[in-house]
Amino acid sequence: MRMPPFRFERPAELRQALDLLRELDGAGNGYVLSAGGTDLVPMMKSQPVSVGSLISLTKLKALGGIRLDPGKSLSLGALVTLGDLSSDAAVRETFPCIAETAGKIATPQIRNRATVGGNLLVDNRCIYFNQSEQNRLAHTPCFKAGGETCHLVPKTARGDDPLCRARFVSDLAPVLLLLHATIRIASTAGERSLPLRDFHLPDGISRNRLGRGEILTRIDVPLPGPSAGVLYEKLRIRNAIDFPSLGVAVSLGRIPGGGTRFGAALTGVHTRPVVMQVDEAARGSREESVDSLIAGISRAVTPFRQGFFPPDYLRKMIPVLIRRNMEKLLRKA
């Protein structure tokens, strides 16, 4: 469980960090970015592969802070800890679902270190990859470990998309997706923004659209309408520490001109978050709309045996969690 040697860098300014990334890329040197380190450090200990340079982002003030622009949006710095997110007064007032979700992640000790950006960028998990180096000797290495096989879907071959079925496990992503969040990404070429819904990729290795030399800086959430609501519930082995085996966020909102919009987003059972919305006006009754939502989002995922819960059980729990929390939202509406 000892980490291999690496070069440690801790730039003081965002521009300095971006210049460093460009310098390392130009020289062909490897690096990893670290915020809270709650996922990265255990990975480096269990999978002792040289990373080249470890670049800590913890001094970058541009990536910190929670800013509320009344009537417009809530802006979350990528370095905001999950602990601060769960207790912030502005977040609890404007987006209680974000604060409540952050408070359900891991443990208090981990939430005091883990960050918003880190949760969105957390590496996908698979029982054949997330093992110690010694345990991996029991089977041939998978694609994610540099091998030529997928133990979940053995017929997978190089060139297939997805190549890796490691599952997406961010808790914040499904909630932020239903809230139509956008993210900001900085590089030496400037800053770009894109909707969170366009950020994650369907493969467990490539995972997202964050490129080399880029740093996730902020997450912007537009302020909701008066009738919008989101709830999140997850299934996991223990009520602390564990990543979600299944996480379900549901939303209820108004359609311009009348009608209700039902939404759901899943984590833990697919290679990326899965989102779907159904408009009541187009589907008929509320019950029919929820049924249509459940049917559509269930078809979009194929749970594999990657943890404690059997795939059939996870499939059965998707409609249970959607209905349970949709009923709670409807009672509040």
Foldseek 3Di string as FASTA:
>chain_A
DDADDAAEAEDQEPLVVLVVLVVCVVVVFFEDEDQLCPQVVVVRVQPRDYRHYYYYDPNYCLQQDWDDDPQWWIKHRQNAFLLCCLPPPVCCVQPVQSNVLSVQAFDPVSSVRHGNNCLLVPAFAFQQPPGGPVVNVVDFHAVLRVGAAAPQDRVQGPPDVQNAWRFFFRRNLFVQVVLFKKWWKQHPVGIDIDTSVQFAGQYSRVGGDQDRSMDTTMIIGTGDDPLKDKHKDFDDDDSHRDGGCKIKMWMWDADVPGWIKIKMWMGNFGSHIDIDIFTCVVQPDPVRRLVVRLVVRLVVTQGTPGDDDHRVVNSVCSSVVSVVVVVVSVVVD
